[in-house]
Amino acid sequence: MPLAALHTVGPDPAVDLAVVRLAEELGQRPQVVRPVVQECRQQLSGAPAGALPELVERLARHRLRAPVD
């Protein structure tokens, strides 16, 4: 799915907290990290709400660290 199709309907703590932590951890600008985190959040929309923050952050971390082909 193209990133341009992603949107949120308000603040999402699972996204906002993951962006802050991952940007600091990986030394990336939040503008680079946010689209990846938002895509992960959308793909995990069926996950239990209580597990969502951790799952979103783990998936985004994995994708941000993966080598680019």
PDB file of N, CA and C in Angstrom:
ATOM      1  N   MET A   1       0.847  -1.181   0.000  1.00  0.00           N
ATOM      2  CA  MET A   1       0.000   0.000   0.000  1.00  0.00           C
ATOM      3  C   MET A   1       0.885   1.234   0.000  1.00  0.00           C
ATOM      4  N   PRO A   2       0.607   2.204  -0.838  1.00  0.00           N
ATOM      5  CA  PRO A   2       1.420   3.408  -0.875  1.00  0.00           C
ATOM      6  C   PRO A   2       1.280   4.185   0.424  1.00  0.00           C
ATOM      7  N   LEU A   3       2.375   4.792   0.840  1.00  0.00           N
ATOM      8  CA  LEU A   3       2.356   5.559   2.075  1.00  0.00           C
ATOM      9  C   LEU A   3       1.409   6.744   1.986  1.00  0.00           C
ATOM     10  N   ALA A   4       1.190   7.277   0.808  1.00  0.00           N
ATOM     11  CA  ALA A   4       0.288   8.408   0.645  1.00  0.00           C
ATOM     12  C   ALA A   4      -1.142   8.057   1.042  1.00  0.00           C
ATOM     13  N   ALA A   5      -1.474   6.781   1.013  1.00  0.00           N
ATOM     14  CA  ALA A   5      -2.835   6.355   1.357  1.00  0.00           C
ATOM     15  C   ALA A   5      -3.035   6.244   2.860  1.00  0.00           C
ATOM     16  N   LEU A   6      -1.959   6.316   3.613  1.00  0.00           N
ATOM     17  CA  LEU A   6      -2.071   6.184   5.061  1.00  0.00           C
ATOM     18  C   LEU A   6      -2.510   7.507   5.669  1.00  0.00           C
ATOM     19  N   HIS A   7      -3.387   7.426   6.626  1.00  0.00           N
ATOM     20  CA  HIS A   7      -3.781   8.618   7.356  1.00  0.00           C
ATOM     21  C   HIS A   7      -4.296   8.191   8.718  1.00  0.00           C
ATOM     22  N   THR A   8      -4.266   9.120   9.634  1.00  0.00           N
ATOM     23  CA  THR A   8      -4.795   8.832  10.955  1.00  0.00           C
ATOM     24  C   THR A   8      -5.928   9.807  11.236  1.00  0.00           C
ATOM     25  N   VAL A   9      -6.778   9.431  12.141  1.00  0.00           N
ATOM     26  CA  VAL A   9      -7.934  10.251  12.470  1.00  0.00           C
ATOM     27  C   VAL A   9      -7.726  10.939  13.807  1.00  0.00           C
ATOM     28  N   GLY A  10      -6.547  11.237  14.154  1.00  0.00           N
ATOM     29  CA  GLY A  10      -6.247  11.887  15.418  1.00  0.00           C
ATOM     30  C   GLY A  10      -4.994  11.295  16.001  1.00  0.00           C
ATOM     31  N   PRO A  11      -4.625  11.787  17.163  1.00  0.00           N
ATOM     32  CA  PRO A  11      -3.398  11.291  17.777  1.00  0.00           C
ATOM     33  C   PRO A  11      -3.500   9.799  18.107  1.00  0.00           C
ATOM     34  N   ASP A  12      -2.424   9.109  17.871  1.00  0.00           N
ATOM     35  CA  ASP A  12      -2.358   7.685  18.174  1.00  0.00           C
ATOM     36  C   ASP A  12      -1.134   7.460  19.043  1.00  0.00           C
ATOM     37  N   PRO A  13      -1.336   7.220  20.336  1.00  0.00           N
ATOM     38  CA  PRO A  13      -0.197   7.060  21.239  1.00  0.00           C
ATOM     39  C   PRO A  13       0.755   5.944  20.810  1.00  0.00           C
ATOM     40  N   ALA A  14       0.246   4.882  20.217  1.00  0.00           N
ATOM     41  CA  ALA A  14       1.106   3.791  19.771  1.00  0.00           C
ATOM     42  C   ALA A  14       2.077   4.290  18.710  1.00  0.00           C
ATOM     43  N   VAL A  15       1.631   5.178  17.861  1.00  0.00           N
ATOM     44  CA  VAL A  15       2.485   5.738  16.807  1.00  0.00           C
ATOM     45  C   VAL A  15       3.407   6.801  17.386  1.00  0.00           C
ATOM     46  N   ASP A  16       2.849   7.740  18.113  1.00  0.00           N
ATOM     47  CA  ASP A  16       3.629   8.866  18.615  1.00  0.00           C
ATOM     48  C   ASP A  16       4.785   8.428  19.512  1.00  0.00           C
ATOM     49  N   LEU A  17       4.524   7.522  20.425  1.00  0.00           N
ATOM     50  CA  LEU A  17       5.583   7.059  21.327  1.00  0.00           C
ATOM     51  C   LEU A  17       6.651   6.262  20.583  1.00  0.00           C
ATOM     52  N   ALA A  18       6.229   5.433  19.650  1.00  0.00           N
ATOM     53  CA  ALA A  18       7.189   4.642  18.878  1.00  0.00           C
ATOM     54  C   ALA A  18       8.073   5.550  18.032  1.00  0.00           C
ATOM     55  N   VAL A  19       7.508   6.584  17.448  1.00  0.00           N
ATOM     56  CA  VAL A  19       8.297   7.509  16.623  1.00  0.00           C
ATOM     57  C   VAL A  19       9.378   8.172  17.464  1.00  0.00           C
ATOM     58  N   VAL A  20       9.017   8.652  18.623  1.00  0.00           N
ATOM     59  CA  VAL A  20       9.990   9.321  19.493  1.00  0.00           C
ATOM     60  C   VAL A  20      11.102   8.364  19.895  1.00  0.00           C
ATOM     61  N   ARG A  21      10.742   7.190  20.362  1.00  0.00           N
ATOM     62  CA  ARG A  21      11.757   6.228  20.824  1.00  0.00           C
ATOM     63  C   ARG A  21      12.657   5.744  19.690  1.00  0.00           C
ATOM     64  N   LEU A  22      12.055   5.398  18.561  1.00  0.00           N
ATOM     65  CA  LEU A  22      12.842   4.862  17.453  1.00  0.00           C
ATOM     66  C   LEU A  22      13.732   5.926  16.807  1.00  0.00           C
ATOM     67  N   ALA A  23      13.246   7.135  16.691  1.00  0.00           N
ATOM     68  CA  ALA A  23      14.063   8.208  16.117  1.00  0.00           C
ATOM     69  C   ALA A  23      15.310   8.420  16.976  1.00  0.00           C
ATOM     70  N   GLU A  24      15.129   8.438  18.288  1.00  0.00           N
ATOM     71  CA  GLU A  24      16.265   8.610  19.191  1.00  0.00           C
ATOM     72  C   GLU A  24      17.190   7.388  19.143  1.00  0.00           C
ATOM     73  N   GLU A  25      16.619   6.208  19.229  1.00  0.00           N
ATOM     74  CA  GLU A  25      17.404   4.968  19.252  1.00  0.00           C
ATOM     75  C   GLU A  25      18.220   4.773  17.978  1.00  0.00           C
ATOM     76  N   LEU A  26      17.618   5.066  16.836  1.00  0.00           N
ATOM     77  CA  LEU A  26      18.261   4.803  15.558  1.00  0.00           C
ATOM     78  C   LEU A  26      18.980   6.017  14.980  1.00  0.00           C
ATOM     79  N   GLY A  27      18.898   7.154  15.662  1.00  0.00           N
ATOM     80  CA  GLY A  27      19.552   8.355  15.176  1.00  0.00           C
ATOM     81  C   GLY A  27      18.946   8.876  13.886  1.00  0.00           C
ATOM     82  N   GLN A  28      17.643   8.721  13.737  1.00  0.00           N
ATOM     83  CA  GLN A  28      16.920   9.165  12.541  1.00  0.00           C
ATOM     84  C   GLN A  28      16.022  10.343  12.888  1.00  0.00           C
ATOM     85  N   ARG A  29      15.680  11.126  11.874  1.00  0.00           N
ATOM     86  CA  ARG A  29      14.723  12.214  12.087  1.00  0.00           C
ATOM     87  C   ARG A  29      13.323  11.619  12.200  1.00  0.00           C
ATOM     88  N   PRO A  30      12.482  12.194  13.054  1.00  0.00           N
ATOM     89  CA  PRO A  30      11.107  11.695  13.187  1.00  0.00           C
ATOM     90  C   PRO A  30      10.351  11.677  11.864  1.00  0.00           C
ATOM     91  N   GLN A  31      10.655  12.605  10.955  1.00  0.00           N
ATOM     92  CA  GLN A  31       9.972  12.645   9.668  1.00  0.00           C
ATOM     93  C   GLN A  31      10.285  11.405   8.827  1.00  0.00           C
ATOM     94  N   VAL A  32      11.421  10.784   9.074  1.00  0.00           N
ATOM     95  CA  VAL A  32      11.806   9.562   8.363  1.00  0.00           C
ATOM     96  C   VAL A  32      11.133   8.344   9.006  1.00  0.00           C
ATOM     97  N   VAL A  33      11.042   8.368  10.324  1.00  0.00           N
ATOM     98  CA  VAL A  33      10.538   7.231  11.092  1.00  0.00           C
ATOM     99  C   VAL A  33       9.005   7.146  11.045  1.00  0.00           C
ATOM    100  N   ARG A  34       8.332   8.271  11.104  1.00  0.00           N
ATOM    101  CA  ARG A  34       6.861   8.284  11.231  1.00  0.00           C
ATOM    102  C   ARG A  34       6.138   7.510  10.135  1.00  0.00           C
ATOM    103  N   PRO A  35       6.470   7.672   8.852  1.00  0.00           N
ATOM    104  CA  PRO A  35       5.724   6.909   7.829  1.00  0.00           C
ATOM    105  C   PRO A  35       5.842   5.395   8.005  1.00  0.00           C
ATOM    106  N   VAL A  36       7.004   4.935   8.427  1.00  0.00           N
ATOM    107  CA  VAL A  36       7.198   3.495   8.641  1.00  0.00           C
ATOM    108  C   VAL A  36       6.334   3.034   9.808  1.00  0.00           C
ATOM    109  N   VAL A  37       6.354   3.797  10.887  1.00  0.00           N
ATOM    110  CA  VAL A  37       5.561   3.449  12.074  1.00  0.00           C
ATOM    111  C   VAL A  37       4.067   3.481  11.740  1.00  0.00           C
ATOM    112  N   GLN A  38       3.637   4.464  10.986  1.00  0.00           N
ATOM    113  CA  GLN A  38       2.217   4.550  10.622  1.00  0.00           C
ATOM    114  C   GLN A  38       1.791   3.363   9.761  1.00  0.00           C
ATOM    115  N   GLU A  39       2.639   2.954   8.833  1.00  0.00           N
ATOM    116  CA  GLU A  39       2.315   1.799   8.009  1.00  0.00           C
ATOM    117  C   GLU A  39       2.218   0.531   8.867  1.00  0.00           C
ATOM    118  N   CYS A  40       3.146   0.372   9.801  1.00  0.00           N
ATOM    119  CA  CYS A  40       3.112  -0.789  10.705  1.00  0.00           C
ATOM    120  C   CYS A  40       1.841  -0.770  11.541  1.00  0.00           C
ATOM    121  N   ARG A  41       1.466   0.394  12.014  1.00  0.00           N
ATOM    122  CA  ARG A  41       0.257   0.526  12.840  1.00  0.00           C
ATOM    123  C   ARG A  41      -0.972   0.101  12.047  1.00  0.00           C
ATOM    124  N   GLN A  42      -1.041   0.536  10.812  1.00  0.00           N
ATOM    125  CA  GLN A  42      -2.196   0.174   9.980  1.00  0.00           C
ATOM    126  C   GLN A  42      -2.224  -1.328   9.715  1.00  0.00           C
ATOM    127  N   GLN A  43      -1.070  -1.915   9.463  1.00  0.00           N
ATOM    128  CA  GLN A  43      -1.016  -3.342   9.170  1.00  0.00           C
ATOM    129  C   GLN A  43      -1.345  -4.187  10.394  1.00  0.00           C
ATOM    130  N   LEU A  44      -1.156  -3.635  11.582  1.00  0.00           N
ATOM    131  CA  LEU A  44      -1.443  -4.367  12.815  1.00  0.00           C
ATOM    132  C   LEU A  44      -2.793  -3.967  13.417  1.00  0.00           C
ATOM    133  N   SER A  45      -3.665  -3.383  12.629  1.00  0.00           N
ATOM    134  CA  SER A  45      -4.927  -2.865  13.158  1.00  0.00           C
ATOM    135  C   SER A  45      -5.802  -3.934  13.803  1.00  0.00           C
ATOM    136  N   GLY A  46      -5.616  -5.196  13.462  1.00  0.00           N
ATOM    137  CA  GLY A  46      -6.419  -6.260  14.053  1.00  0.00           C
ATOM    138  C   GLY A  46      -5.850  -6.830  15.343  1.00  0.00           C
ATOM    139  N   ALA A  47      -4.693  -6.333  15.766  1.00  0.00           N
ATOM    140  CA  ALA A  47      -4.050  -6.839  16.986  1.00  0.00           C
ATOM    141  C   ALA A  47      -4.787  -6.326  18.223  1.00  0.00           C
ATOM    142  N   PRO A  48      -4.698  -7.059  19.329  1.00  0.00           N
ATOM    143  CA  PRO A  48      -5.324  -6.597  20.572  1.00  0.00           C
ATOM    144  C   PRO A  48      -4.780  -5.230  20.987  1.00  0.00           C
ATOM    145  N   ALA A  49      -5.662  -4.358  21.424  1.00  0.00           N
ATOM    146  CA  ALA A  49      -5.281  -2.979  21.761  1.00  0.00           C
ATOM    147  C   ALA A  49      -4.152  -2.911  22.788  1.00  0.00           C
ATOM    148  N   GLY A  50      -4.176  -3.797  23.769  1.00  0.00           N
ATOM    149  CA  GLY A  50      -3.144  -3.767  24.807  1.00  0.00           C
ATOM    150  C   GLY A  50      -1.762  -4.107  24.292  1.00  0.00           C
ATOM    151  N   ALA A  51      -1.698  -4.900  23.250  1.00  0.00           N
ATOM    152  CA  ALA A  51      -0.410  -5.315  22.687  1.00  0.00           C
ATOM    153  C   ALA A  51       0.065  -4.383  21.579  1.00  0.00           C
ATOM    154  N   LEU A  52      -0.792  -3.520  21.109  1.00  0.00           N
ATOM    155  CA  LEU A  52      -0.506  -2.707  19.940  1.00  0.00           C
ATOM    156  C   LEU A  52       0.747  -1.835  20.059  1.00  0.00           C
ATOM    157  N   PRO A  53       0.939  -1.080  21.125  1.00  0.00           N
ATOM    158  CA  PRO A  53       2.137  -0.236  21.188  1.00  0.00           C
ATOM    159  C   PRO A  53       3.436  -1.028  21.027  1.00  0.00           C
ATOM    160  N   GLU A  54       3.545  -2.145  21.706  1.00  0.00           N
ATOM    161  CA  GLU A  54       4.768  -2.951  21.604  1.00  0.00           C
ATOM    162  C   GLU A  54       4.915  -3.574  20.223  1.00  0.00           C
ATOM    163  N   LEU A  55       3.843  -4.092  19.676  1.00  0.00           N
ATOM    164  CA  LEU A  55       3.911  -4.721  18.352  1.00  0.00           C
ATOM    165  C   LEU A  55       4.279  -3.716  17.261  1.00  0.00           C
ATOM    166  N   VAL A  56       3.688  -2.541  17.321  1.00  0.00           N
ATOM    167  CA  VAL A  56       3.985  -1.500  16.339  1.00  0.00           C
ATOM    168  C   VAL A  56       5.459  -1.124  16.410  1.00  0.00           C
ATOM    169  N   GLU A  57       5.950  -0.907  17.609  1.00  0.00           N
ATOM    170  CA  GLU A  57       7.346  -0.496  17.770  1.00  0.00           C
ATOM    171  C   GLU A  57       8.304  -1.591  17.309  1.00  0.00           C
ATOM    172  N   ARG A  58       8.015  -2.828  17.640  1.00  0.00           N
ATOM    173  CA  ARG A  58       8.897  -3.934  17.224  1.00  0.00           C
ATOM    174  C   ARG A  58       8.943  -4.091  15.710  1.00  0.00           C
ATOM    175  N   LEU A  59       7.784  -4.046  15.075  1.00  0.00           N
ATOM    176  CA  LEU A  59       7.739  -4.201  13.627  1.00  0.00           C
ATOM    177  C   LEU A  59       8.443  -3.032  12.940  1.00  0.00           C
ATOM    178  N   ALA A  60       8.188  -1.832  13.394  1.00  0.00           N
ATOM    179  CA  ALA A  60       8.834  -0.658  12.796  1.00  0.00           C
ATOM    180  C   ALA A  60      10.350  -0.710  12.999  1.00  0.00           C
ATOM    181  N   ARG A  61      10.794  -1.112  14.174  1.00  0.00           N
ATOM    182  CA  ARG A  61      12.238  -1.229  14.439  1.00  0.00           C
ATOM    183  C   ARG A  61      12.863  -2.232  13.465  1.00  0.00           C
ATOM    184  N   HIS A  62      12.204  -3.342  13.281  1.00  0.00           N
ATOM    185  CA  HIS A  62      12.710  -4.372  12.370  1.00  0.00           C
ATOM    186  C   HIS A  62      12.826  -3.808  10.944  1.00  0.00           C
ATOM    187  N   ARG A  63      11.813  -3.117  10.504  1.00  0.00           N
ATOM    188  CA  ARG A  63      11.819  -2.575   9.135  1.00  0.00           C
ATOM    189  C   ARG A  63      12.836  -1.459   8.967  1.00  0.00           C
ATOM    190  N   LEU A  64      12.987  -0.630   9.980  1.00  0.00           N
ATOM    191  CA  LEU A  64      13.937   0.472   9.876  1.00  0.00           C
ATOM    192  C   LEU A  64      15.383  -0.008   9.909  1.00  0.00           C
ATOM    193  N   ARG A  65      15.628  -1.133  10.551  1.00  0.00           N
ATOM    194  CA  ARG A  65      16.985  -1.687  10.631  1.00  0.00           C
ATOM    195  C   ARG A  65      17.319  -2.604   9.453  1.00  0.00           C
ATOM    196  N   ALA A  66      16.314  -3.068   8.748  1.00  0.00           N
ATOM    197  CA  ALA A  66      16.537  -4.022   7.654  1.00  0.00           C
ATOM    198  C   ALA A  66      17.339  -3.349   6.539  1.00  0.00           C
ATOM    199  N   PRO A  67      18.270  -4.097   5.959  1.00  0.00           N
ATOM    200  CA  PRO A  67      19.029  -3.520   4.844  1.00  0.00           C
ATOM    201  C   PRO A  67      18.131  -3.253   3.646  1.00  0.00           C
ATOM    202  N   VAL A  68      18.439  -2.208   2.930  1.00  0.00           N
ATOM    203  CA  VAL A  68      17.673  -1.851   1.733  1.00  0.00           C
ATOM    204  C   VAL A  68      18.218  -2.655   0.562  1.00  0.00           C
ATOM    205  N   ASP A  69      17.324  -3.326  -0.160  1.00  0.00           N
ATOM    206  CA  ASP A  69      17.747  -4.135  -1.310  1.00  0.00           C
ATOM    207  C   ASP A  69      17.993  -3.279  -2.529  1.00  0.00           C
TER     208      ASP A  69
END
